[in-house]
Amino acid sequence: MLRSMLVLVVLLFLVGGTLVSAQDPVELTIATVNNPDMVVMESFTEVFEAAYPNISLNWVILPENELRATVTTDVATGSSTFDIVTVGMFEAPIWAQNGWIHSIDDLAAQYPDNVQADYGFDDLLPGVKLGLSYENELYALPFYGESSMLFYNKAMFAEAGLEMPEQPTWDQVREFACALHDPDNGRYGIALRGLPGWGEIMAPLTTVVNTYGGRWFDENWEPQLNSPEWNAAVSFYVNLINECGQPGATGTGFTEALTLMAQGQAAMWVDATVAAGFLSNPEQSQIVDDLGFAPAPVGPVAKGNHWLWAWSLAIPSTTTHVAEALQFATWATSRDYIELVGTTNGWATIPPGTRVSTYERAEYLEAAPFAPVVLGLMESADPTDSTRDTVPYVGVQFVGIPEFQGIGTDVSQLIAEALAGDNTVEAALARANEITREAMEEAGYYDG
């Protein structure tokens, strides 16, 4: 009896003599966006903690703009608030270059026992893996990947005698939207993002700019926001929303637009392909039987109309729980996790766009008729060739330079003013061009 008590006492003491509980788990604080897929991830907290009792999870779930600002500030200042952060293809290579996040390849080699069994790094979609890499090393693990596409309500189209073409143009979309617009009965011709933010309104709007022949910068990094192409694209977008879209558009981000579409209040929506799974889920959508989809619209230029993105999990360099963070990150992005979501919530709702094997699963292909379309869009989106004219940057719906986070946000505020009727498009773009050049000059992009 005495011997057993001595053993217990030894187990409860560290070398320094401090009494601790051998059962106390390491707490991981995870910062993520309040998109539906991430909410599902949080819902499986008990499943993870049961499998890994040495780890507990603390979630910080924020709106997209707030997440980006909070996480960027935290990692840039080395505050070490978070053990895992949610990032995308814009942040991953830039933050890797800055030394803000760990190389996943290095951690996997250092802590092989903390990598989810049979993880399958080679199973990750090549384009997504490339976008999350820096100098041939992987720095974030994709939770879900996406392009952009057009969703439409087939019942509304049939009732009006309209037919969606195989490749719609923005002019056709405008014609459809205005024909179906019936605000007196709570139905809007189209829902589009108007919420300020470089990753909110500027994501779909930049694809429109691409298809109108515009670009953010010329070969010498001179801003092009006051060009005729930008004016035509932004004027089109603003007029389309104000004349045939949802009211209060400057408060509409991805989540709000998804709700409008799912509740049958919008005839069309152009946004992230990841929404297809939720619009196909009868527990979350009222239009399951009426959901139609098509490639994102093109304008005078048939290029840069659909983006490439992946919300992903990265491990900040400041965390003191590297091995445990790797354990969770590989669990949440594994084939086993996809299987868990599919068997629990239905195969149409799994996190898409990350793995080759996902698009080989018979269960998924049967439940998600949109899957081949989404895969084709993701594979054809080219961040290195998304504009009519030559540019010095990489990105479809963003510019892959550190300064873009601030520039894109400032420009979005000015465009939101025009959308709200507080400024003209011409004046907003003139000022946007000025502040963009000022920011680029301050950052040292120009000689002299």
Protein backbone atom coordinates (compact mmCIF):
# COMPACT_ATOMS: atom_id res chain seq x y z
CA MET A 1 0.00 0.00 0.00
CA LEU A 2 2.79 2.41 0.94
CA ARG A 3 4.68 1.56 -2.26
CA SER A 4 1.57 2.37 -4.38
CA MET A 5 1.13 5.72 -2.67
CA LEU A 6 4.76 6.61 -3.30
CA VAL A 7 4.39 5.81 -6.99
CA LEU A 8 1.30 8.02 -7.18
CA VAL A 9 3.12 10.89 -5.48
CA VAL A 10 6.00 10.59 -7.96
CA LEU A 11 3.58 10.73 -10.89
CA LEU A 12 2.03 13.90 -9.53
CA PHE A 13 5.29 15.79 -9.17
CA LEU A 14 7.50 17.43 -11.73
CA VAL A 15 11.25 17.57 -11.32
CA GLY A 16 10.89 20.98 -9.69
CA GLY A 17 8.60 19.54 -7.06
CA THR A 18 5.36 21.27 -8.14
CA LEU A 19 2.24 19.24 -7.58
CA VAL A 20 0.29 18.81 -10.85
CA SER A 21 -2.36 16.50 -12.16
CA ALA A 22 -1.06 13.95 -14.64
CA GLN A 23 -4.46 14.09 -16.32
CA ASP A 24 -4.60 17.82 -17.06
CA PRO A 25 -4.87 18.20 -20.85
CA VAL A 26 -3.07 20.80 -22.91
CA GLU A 27 -5.53 23.49 -24.03
CA LEU A 28 -5.31 24.60 -27.66
CA THR A 29 -6.84 27.95 -28.56
CA ILE A 30 -8.06 27.92 -32.15
CA ALA A 31 -8.98 31.06 -34.11
CA THR A 32 -11.31 30.42 -37.00
CA VAL A 33 -13.94 32.05 -39.21
CA ASN A 34 -17.67 31.68 -38.58
CA ASN A 35 -18.34 29.98 -41.91
CA PRO A 36 -20.57 26.90 -41.75
CA ASP A 37 -17.77 24.36 -42.29
CA MET A 38 -15.83 25.74 -39.34
CA VAL A 39 -18.92 25.63 -37.14
CA VAL A 40 -19.22 21.95 -38.04
CA MET A 41 -15.57 21.45 -37.07
CA GLU A 42 -16.27 22.96 -33.65
CA SER A 43 -19.28 20.65 -33.23
CA PHE A 44 -16.94 17.64 -33.23
CA THR A 45 -14.93 18.95 -30.26
CA GLU A 46 -16.08 16.12 -27.97
CA VAL A 47 -15.20 13.53 -30.59
CA PHE A 48 -11.65 14.84 -30.83
CA GLU A 49 -11.20 15.23 -27.09
CA ALA A 50 -12.44 11.69 -26.51
CA ALA A 51 -9.86 10.37 -28.97
CA TYR A 52 -7.09 12.62 -27.59
CA PRO A 53 -7.78 13.14 -23.86
CA ASN A 54 -4.42 14.90 -23.47
CA ILE A 55 -5.77 17.85 -25.51
CA SER A 56 -8.71 20.20 -24.91
CA LEU A 57 -9.98 22.75 -27.44
CA ASN A 58 -10.84 26.40 -26.87
CA TRP A 59 -12.55 28.05 -29.85
CA VAL A 60 -12.47 31.70 -30.91
CA ILE A 61 -14.89 32.00 -33.84
CA LEU A 62 -15.05 35.40 -35.52
CA PRO A 63 -16.59 37.07 -38.60
CA GLU A 64 -14.21 37.02 -41.57
CA ASN A 65 -13.00 40.61 -41.38
CA GLU A 66 -12.55 40.45 -37.60
CA LEU A 67 -10.73 37.13 -37.82
CA ARG A 68 -8.23 38.47 -40.33
CA ALA A 69 -7.51 41.61 -38.32
CA THR A 70 -7.25 39.76 -34.99
CA VAL A 71 -5.07 36.91 -36.20
CA THR A 72 -2.77 39.13 -38.28
CA THR A 73 -2.15 41.43 -35.34
CA ASP A 74 -1.56 38.48 -33.02
CA VAL A 75 1.00 36.68 -35.16
CA ALA A 76 2.72 39.87 -36.32
CA THR A 77 3.28 41.06 -32.75
CA GLY A 78 4.15 37.63 -31.37
CA SER A 79 1.34 37.80 -28.82
CA SER A 80 0.93 34.00 -28.74
CA THR A 81 -2.81 34.11 -28.09
CA PHE A 82 -3.52 31.28 -30.50
CA ASP A 83 -2.11 27.80 -31.02
CA ILE A 84 -3.85 27.30 -34.38
CA VAL A 85 -5.00 30.04 -36.78
CA THR A 86 -7.19 29.89 -39.85
CA VAL A 87 -5.52 31.37 -42.92
CA GLY A 88 -5.93 31.28 -46.68
CA MET A 89 -3.78 31.25 -49.79
CA PHE A 90 -3.08 34.95 -49.41
CA GLU A 91 -1.64 34.73 -45.91
CA ALA A 92 0.18 31.38 -45.93
CA PRO A 93 3.19 32.19 -48.17
CA ILE A 94 3.55 35.74 -46.83
CA TRP A 95 3.41 34.67 -43.20
CA ALA A 96 5.81 31.80 -43.93
CA GLN A 97 8.30 34.26 -45.41
CA ASN A 98 7.93 36.43 -42.29
CA GLY A 99 8.57 33.45 -40.02
CA TRP A 100 5.15 33.81 -38.37
CA ILE A 101 4.02 30.21 -38.89
CA HIS A 102 5.71 26.82 -38.72
CA SER A 103 6.56 24.68 -41.72
CA ILE A 104 4.17 21.74 -41.63
CA ASP A 105 6.77 19.62 -43.39
CA ASP A 106 9.29 20.34 -40.65
CA LEU A 107 6.82 19.62 -37.87
CA ALA A 108 5.68 16.38 -39.47
CA ALA A 109 9.30 15.21 -39.59
CA GLN A 110 9.93 16.33 -36.03
CA TYR A 111 6.73 14.92 -34.52
CA PRO A 112 5.72 11.97 -36.74
CA ASP A 113 3.68 10.39 -33.95
CA ASN A 114 1.48 13.50 -33.83
CA VAL A 115 0.50 13.33 -37.50
CA GLN A 116 -2.89 11.71 -38.09
CA ALA A 117 -2.38 8.10 -39.14
CA ASP A 118 -2.49 7.66 -42.93
CA TYR A 119 -2.77 11.44 -43.39
CA GLY A 120 -1.78 11.37 -47.05
CA PHE A 121 0.05 14.59 -47.86
CA ASP A 122 0.30 13.39 -51.47
CA ASP A 123 -3.51 13.20 -51.60
CA LEU A 124 -3.86 17.00 -51.25
CA LEU A 125 -4.96 18.70 -54.47
CA PRO A 126 -1.77 19.98 -56.15
CA GLY A 127 -3.01 23.52 -56.79
CA VAL A 128 -4.21 23.94 -53.22
CA LYS A 129 -1.00 22.52 -51.79
CA LEU A 130 1.06 24.86 -53.97
CA GLY A 131 -0.94 27.88 -52.84
CA LEU A 132 -0.24 27.05 -49.19
CA SER A 133 3.48 26.53 -49.72
CA TYR A 134 6.57 28.71 -49.58
CA GLU A 135 9.91 27.66 -51.08
CA ASN A 136 8.55 24.16 -51.70
CA GLU A 137 7.48 23.62 -48.09
CA LEU A 138 3.89 23.30 -46.89
CA TYR A 139 2.94 25.88 -44.24
CA ALA A 140 -0.79 25.28 -43.73
CA LEU A 141 -3.20 22.36 -44.04
CA PRO A 142 -6.33 22.93 -46.15
CA PHE A 143 -9.61 22.47 -44.29
CA TYR A 144 -11.71 23.21 -47.34
CA GLY A 145 -10.95 24.55 -50.80
CA GLU A 146 -13.12 26.49 -53.20
CA SER A 147 -13.51 28.35 -56.43
CA SER A 148 -16.48 30.58 -57.23
CA MET A 149 -19.62 29.80 -59.22
CA LEU A 150 -23.16 30.96 -59.93
CA PHE A 151 -26.03 29.46 -57.92
CA TYR A 152 -29.60 29.95 -59.12
CA ASN A 153 -33.11 28.94 -58.19
CA LYS A 154 -34.37 26.66 -60.97
CA ALA A 155 -38.00 27.00 -59.89
CA MET A 156 -37.89 30.79 -60.26
CA PHE A 157 -36.22 30.48 -63.65
CA ALA A 158 -38.79 27.93 -64.87
CA GLU A 159 -41.69 30.06 -63.65
CA ALA A 160 -40.35 33.04 -65.61
CA GLY A 161 -39.52 30.96 -68.68
CA LEU A 162 -35.79 31.66 -68.35
CA GLU A 163 -32.94 29.27 -69.05
CA MET A 164 -29.43 29.51 -67.64
CA PRO A 165 -26.79 29.20 -70.39
CA GLU A 166 -23.87 26.82 -70.01
CA GLN A 167 -21.49 29.78 -69.57
CA PRO A 168 -23.42 32.89 -68.49
CA THR A 169 -22.17 36.41 -69.06
CA TRP A 170 -22.58 39.25 -66.60
CA ASP A 171 -24.94 41.00 -69.02
CA GLN A 172 -27.16 37.91 -69.08
CA VAL A 173 -27.05 37.71 -65.29
CA ARG A 174 -28.20 41.30 -65.06
CA GLU A 175 -31.06 40.59 -67.46
CA PHE A 176 -32.14 37.56 -65.43
CA ALA A 177 -31.81 39.38 -62.11
CA CYS A 178 -33.95 42.31 -63.13
CA ALA A 179 -36.60 40.03 -64.67
CA LEU A 180 -36.86 38.05 -61.42
CA HIS A 181 -36.54 40.95 -58.98
CA ASP A 182 -39.70 41.23 -56.85
CA PRO A 183 -38.78 43.08 -53.66
CA ASP A 184 -42.43 43.71 -52.69
CA ASN A 185 -42.72 39.96 -52.16
CA GLY A 186 -39.33 39.56 -50.51
CA ARG A 187 -37.56 38.16 -53.57
CA TYR A 188 -34.41 39.69 -55.00
CA GLY A 189 -32.99 39.10 -58.45
CA ILE A 190 -29.49 38.49 -57.12
CA ALA A 191 -27.49 38.54 -53.90
CA LEU A 192 -23.89 39.75 -53.98
CA ARG A 193 -21.39 40.71 -51.34
CA GLY A 194 -21.29 44.39 -50.44
CA LEU A 195 -19.68 44.18 -47.01
CA PRO A 196 -16.40 46.13 -46.92
CA GLY A 197 -13.24 44.02 -46.68
CA TRP A 198 -10.53 42.82 -49.05
CA GLY A 199 -11.86 39.29 -48.66
CA GLU A 200 -15.53 40.32 -48.68
CA ILE A 201 -16.81 42.66 -51.43
CA MET A 202 -13.41 42.81 -53.12
CA ALA A 203 -13.29 39.05 -53.74
CA PRO A 204 -16.23 38.77 -56.17
CA LEU A 205 -15.77 42.34 -57.40
CA THR A 206 -12.16 41.71 -58.42
CA THR A 207 -13.29 38.78 -60.56
CA VAL A 208 -15.74 41.14 -62.27
CA VAL A 209 -12.90 43.61 -62.82
CA ASN A 210 -10.84 40.80 -64.35
CA THR A 211 -13.61 39.96 -66.81
CA TYR A 212 -13.90 43.62 -67.81
CA GLY A 213 -10.20 43.74 -68.67
CA GLY A 214 -9.05 45.48 -65.51
CA ARG A 215 -6.11 44.84 -63.20
CA TRP A 216 -4.97 46.21 -59.84
CA PHE A 217 -1.47 47.19 -61.06
CA ASP A 218 0.44 47.44 -64.30
CA GLU A 219 3.88 45.89 -64.81
CA ASN A 220 5.52 48.77 -62.91
CA TRP A 221 3.19 48.51 -59.89
CA GLU A 222 1.28 51.62 -60.92
CA PRO A 223 -2.33 51.35 -59.64
CA GLN A 224 -4.99 51.05 -62.33
CA LEU A 225 -8.11 51.67 -60.25
CA ASN A 226 -9.06 54.85 -62.12
CA SER A 227 -8.99 53.06 -65.49
CA PRO A 228 -12.04 52.79 -67.78
CA GLU A 229 -12.10 49.03 -67.13
CA TRP A 230 -12.37 49.46 -63.36
CA ASN A 231 -15.01 52.17 -63.76
CA ALA A 232 -17.10 49.96 -66.04
CA ALA A 233 -16.81 46.91 -63.77
CA VAL A 234 -17.54 48.70 -60.49
CA SER A 235 -20.38 50.73 -62.02
CA PHE A 236 -21.91 47.50 -63.31
CA TYR A 237 -21.62 45.79 -59.92
CA VAL A 238 -23.01 48.74 -57.97
CA ASN A 239 -25.92 49.28 -60.37
CA LEU A 240 -26.77 45.59 -60.48
CA ILE A 241 -27.09 45.37 -56.71
CA ASN A 242 -28.93 48.65 -56.28
CA GLU A 243 -31.40 48.00 -59.08
CA CYS A 244 -31.97 44.25 -58.90
CA GLY A 245 -30.26 42.98 -55.75
CA GLN A 246 -30.75 42.73 -52.01
CA PRO A 247 -31.28 45.85 -49.86
CA GLY A 248 -28.68 46.93 -47.32
CA ALA A 249 -25.93 45.39 -49.42
CA THR A 250 -23.07 46.96 -47.47
CA GLY A 251 -24.02 44.61 -44.63
CA THR A 252 -24.01 41.51 -46.82
CA GLY A 253 -21.01 39.19 -46.64
CA PHE A 254 -20.72 35.52 -47.52
CA THR A 255 -22.81 34.30 -44.57
CA GLU A 256 -25.65 36.78 -45.10
CA ALA A 257 -25.84 36.06 -48.84
CA LEU A 258 -25.85 32.31 -48.15
CA THR A 259 -28.86 32.79 -45.87
CA LEU A 260 -30.76 34.77 -48.53
CA MET A 261 -30.13 32.08 -51.12
CA ALA A 262 -30.93 29.19 -48.78
CA GLN A 263 -34.23 30.76 -47.72
CA GLY A 264 -35.40 31.28 -51.30
CA GLN A 265 -35.14 35.06 -51.13
CA ALA A 266 -32.57 35.40 -53.93
CA ALA A 267 -32.91 34.12 -57.48
CA MET A 268 -29.13 34.04 -58.02
CA TRP A 269 -25.89 34.31 -56.11
CA VAL A 270 -22.28 34.40 -57.34
CA ASP A 271 -19.91 33.28 -54.63
CA ALA A 272 -17.77 30.48 -53.20
CA THR A 273 -18.37 26.94 -54.44
CA VAL A 274 -18.21 25.66 -50.84
CA ALA A 275 -21.77 26.92 -50.41
CA ALA A 276 -23.05 24.14 -52.68
CA GLY A 277 -22.92 21.60 -49.89
CA PHE A 278 -24.97 23.72 -47.53
CA LEU A 279 -27.51 24.71 -50.17
CA SER A 280 -27.93 20.96 -50.83
CA ASN A 281 -28.56 20.14 -47.17
CA PRO A 282 -32.30 20.01 -46.33
CA GLU A 283 -31.54 20.87 -42.71
CA GLN A 284 -30.01 24.17 -43.77
CA SER A 285 -31.63 25.01 -47.09
CA GLN A 286 -35.16 25.46 -48.41
CA ILE A 287 -34.12 25.20 -52.07
CA VAL A 288 -32.51 21.76 -52.17
CA ASP A 289 -34.75 20.53 -54.98
CA ASP A 290 -34.49 23.81 -56.89
CA LEU A 291 -30.74 24.41 -56.72
CA GLY A 292 -29.01 25.05 -60.01
CA PHE A 293 -25.41 25.99 -60.63
CA ALA A 294 -23.24 27.29 -63.46
CA PRO A 295 -19.70 28.65 -63.91
CA ALA A 296 -19.10 32.18 -62.62
CA PRO A 297 -20.12 34.76 -65.23
CA VAL A 298 -17.70 36.29 -67.71
CA GLY A 299 -17.62 39.78 -69.15
CA PRO A 300 -15.96 41.04 -72.32
CA VAL A 301 -12.91 39.03 -71.18
CA ALA A 302 -13.33 35.30 -70.48
CA LYS A 303 -10.56 35.13 -67.91
CA GLY A 304 -10.24 35.53 -64.15
CA ASN A 305 -13.96 34.97 -63.55
CA HIS A 306 -13.52 32.34 -60.82
CA TRP A 307 -11.09 32.28 -57.95
CA LEU A 308 -9.01 29.74 -56.05
CA TRP A 309 -8.98 29.72 -52.25
CA ALA A 310 -8.55 27.37 -49.30
CA TRP A 311 -9.36 28.10 -45.68
CA SER A 312 -6.57 26.31 -43.86
CA LEU A 313 -5.06 25.63 -40.45
CA ALA A 314 -1.63 27.03 -39.62
CA ILE A 315 0.47 26.83 -36.47
CA PRO A 316 1.94 30.13 -35.22
CA SER A 317 5.64 30.16 -34.40
CA THR A 318 4.80 31.51 -30.93
CA THR A 319 2.77 28.54 -29.69
CA THR A 320 4.24 26.44 -26.90
CA HIS A 321 2.07 23.48 -27.87
CA VAL A 322 3.47 22.65 -31.29
CA ALA A 323 3.09 18.87 -31.13
CA GLU A 324 -0.50 19.05 -29.89
CA ALA A 325 -1.40 21.70 -32.49
CA LEU A 326 -0.04 19.42 -35.21
CA GLN A 327 -2.15 16.58 -33.81
CA PHE A 328 -5.35 18.60 -34.12
CA ALA A 329 -4.51 20.23 -37.46
CA THR A 330 -3.83 16.90 -39.14
CA TRP A 331 -6.92 15.33 -37.53
CA ALA A 332 -9.25 18.11 -38.72
CA THR A 333 -7.91 18.04 -42.29
CA SER A 334 -7.62 14.26 -42.65
CA ARG A 335 -9.51 11.71 -44.72
CA ASP A 336 -10.86 10.31 -41.44
CA TYR A 337 -12.40 13.69 -40.59
CA ILE A 338 -14.05 13.87 -44.00
CA GLU A 339 -15.43 10.38 -43.36
CA LEU A 340 -16.72 11.54 -39.96
CA VAL A 341 -18.60 14.49 -41.43
CA GLY A 342 -19.96 12.43 -44.31
CA THR A 343 -21.33 9.63 -42.16
CA THR A 344 -22.66 12.03 -39.51
CA ASN A 345 -24.11 14.96 -41.49
CA GLY A 346 -24.40 13.59 -45.02
CA TRP A 347 -21.84 13.32 -47.80
CA ALA A 348 -22.97 16.49 -49.58
CA THR A 349 -21.86 18.50 -46.52
CA ILE A 350 -18.24 17.35 -46.26
CA PRO A 351 -15.42 19.92 -46.49
CA PRO A 352 -14.69 19.98 -50.24
CA GLY A 353 -11.79 20.96 -52.44
CA THR A 354 -8.81 19.61 -50.54
CA ARG A 355 -8.15 15.99 -51.54
CA VAL A 356 -7.99 13.97 -54.72
CA SER A 357 -9.64 11.05 -52.91
CA THR A 358 -12.70 13.15 -52.09
CA TYR A 359 -13.58 13.26 -55.79
CA GLU A 360 -13.12 9.51 -56.09
CA ARG A 361 -15.63 8.70 -53.35
CA ALA A 362 -18.79 7.20 -54.81
CA GLU A 363 -20.79 8.39 -51.78
CA TYR A 364 -19.75 11.99 -52.36
CA LEU A 365 -20.26 11.99 -56.12
CA GLU A 366 -23.74 10.52 -55.68
CA ALA A 367 -24.75 13.01 -53.00
CA ALA A 368 -23.09 16.05 -54.60
CA PRO A 369 -23.87 16.41 -58.31
CA PHE A 370 -21.99 19.72 -58.26
CA ALA A 371 -18.71 18.03 -57.24
CA PRO A 372 -17.22 17.51 -60.73
CA VAL A 373 -18.07 21.10 -61.66
CA VAL A 374 -16.38 22.44 -58.53
CA LEU A 375 -13.27 20.33 -59.11
CA GLY A 376 -13.07 21.52 -62.71
CA LEU A 377 -13.36 25.15 -61.62
CA MET A 378 -10.67 24.74 -58.98
CA GLU A 379 -8.32 23.05 -61.40
CA SER A 380 -8.87 25.68 -64.10
CA ALA A 381 -8.50 28.74 -61.87
CA ASP A 382 -5.04 30.16 -62.56
CA PRO A 383 -3.68 32.71 -60.06
CA THR A 384 -0.71 33.30 -62.39
CA ASP A 385 -2.86 34.24 -65.40
CA SER A 386 -6.15 35.85 -64.41
CA THR A 387 -6.05 39.21 -66.20
CA ARG A 388 -6.19 40.36 -69.81
CA ASP A 389 -3.04 42.44 -69.48
CA THR A 390 0.26 41.46 -67.89
CA VAL A 391 0.59 41.98 -64.14
CA PRO A 392 3.49 41.64 -61.69
CA TYR A 393 1.45 39.81 -59.03
CA VAL A 394 -0.12 36.41 -58.37
CA GLY A 395 -3.79 36.06 -57.44
CA VAL A 396 -7.27 35.93 -58.94
CA GLN A 397 -9.40 37.72 -56.33
CA PHE A 398 -6.47 39.22 -54.44
CA VAL A 399 -2.97 40.58 -55.03
CA GLY A 400 -0.35 38.37 -53.41
CA ILE A 401 1.69 41.08 -51.67
CA PRO A 402 1.69 41.97 -47.94
CA GLU A 403 0.42 45.49 -48.61
CA PHE A 404 -2.78 44.24 -50.21
CA GLN A 405 -4.50 43.49 -46.91
CA GLY A 406 -4.50 47.19 -46.00
CA ILE A 407 -4.94 48.47 -49.55
CA GLY A 408 -7.82 46.13 -50.35
CA THR A 409 -9.62 47.02 -47.14
CA ASP A 410 -9.26 50.77 -47.72
CA VAL A 411 -10.43 50.49 -51.32
CA SER A 412 -13.40 48.37 -50.26
CA GLN A 413 -14.55 51.10 -47.88
CA LEU A 414 -14.57 53.64 -50.70
CA ILE A 415 -16.49 51.31 -53.02
CA ALA A 416 -18.98 50.58 -50.24
CA GLU A 417 -19.61 54.33 -50.03
CA ALA A 418 -20.48 54.34 -53.72
CA LEU A 419 -22.69 51.28 -53.24
CA ALA A 420 -24.53 53.06 -50.43
CA GLY A 421 -25.00 56.17 -52.57
CA ASP A 422 -22.70 58.33 -50.46
CA ASN A 423 -20.22 58.85 -53.30
CA THR A 424 -19.96 58.35 -57.04
CA VAL A 425 -18.07 55.43 -58.51
CA GLU A 426 -15.75 57.80 -60.37
CA ALA A 427 -14.86 59.77 -57.23
CA ALA A 428 -14.45 56.60 -55.16
CA LEU A 429 -12.08 55.05 -57.68
CA ALA A 430 -10.08 58.24 -58.11
CA ARG A 431 -9.49 58.37 -54.36
CA ALA A 432 -8.84 54.62 -54.27
CA ASN A 433 -6.13 55.01 -56.89
CA GLU A 434 -4.52 57.82 -54.89
CA ILE A 435 -4.39 55.96 -51.59
CA THR A 436 -3.16 52.80 -53.30
CA ARG A 437 -0.26 54.62 -54.89
CA GLU A 438 0.55 56.33 -51.60
CA ALA A 439 0.67 52.95 -49.85
CA MET A 440 2.84 51.42 -52.55
CA GLU A 441 5.21 54.39 -52.55
CA GLU A 442 5.54 54.17 -48.77
CA ALA A 443 6.26 50.44 -49.10
CA GLY A 444 9.12 51.19 -51.50
CA TYR A 445 7.73 49.86 -54.78
CA TYR A 446 8.95 52.91 -56.75
CA ASP A 447 12.46 54.20 -57.35
CA GLY A 448 13.37 57.64 -56.14
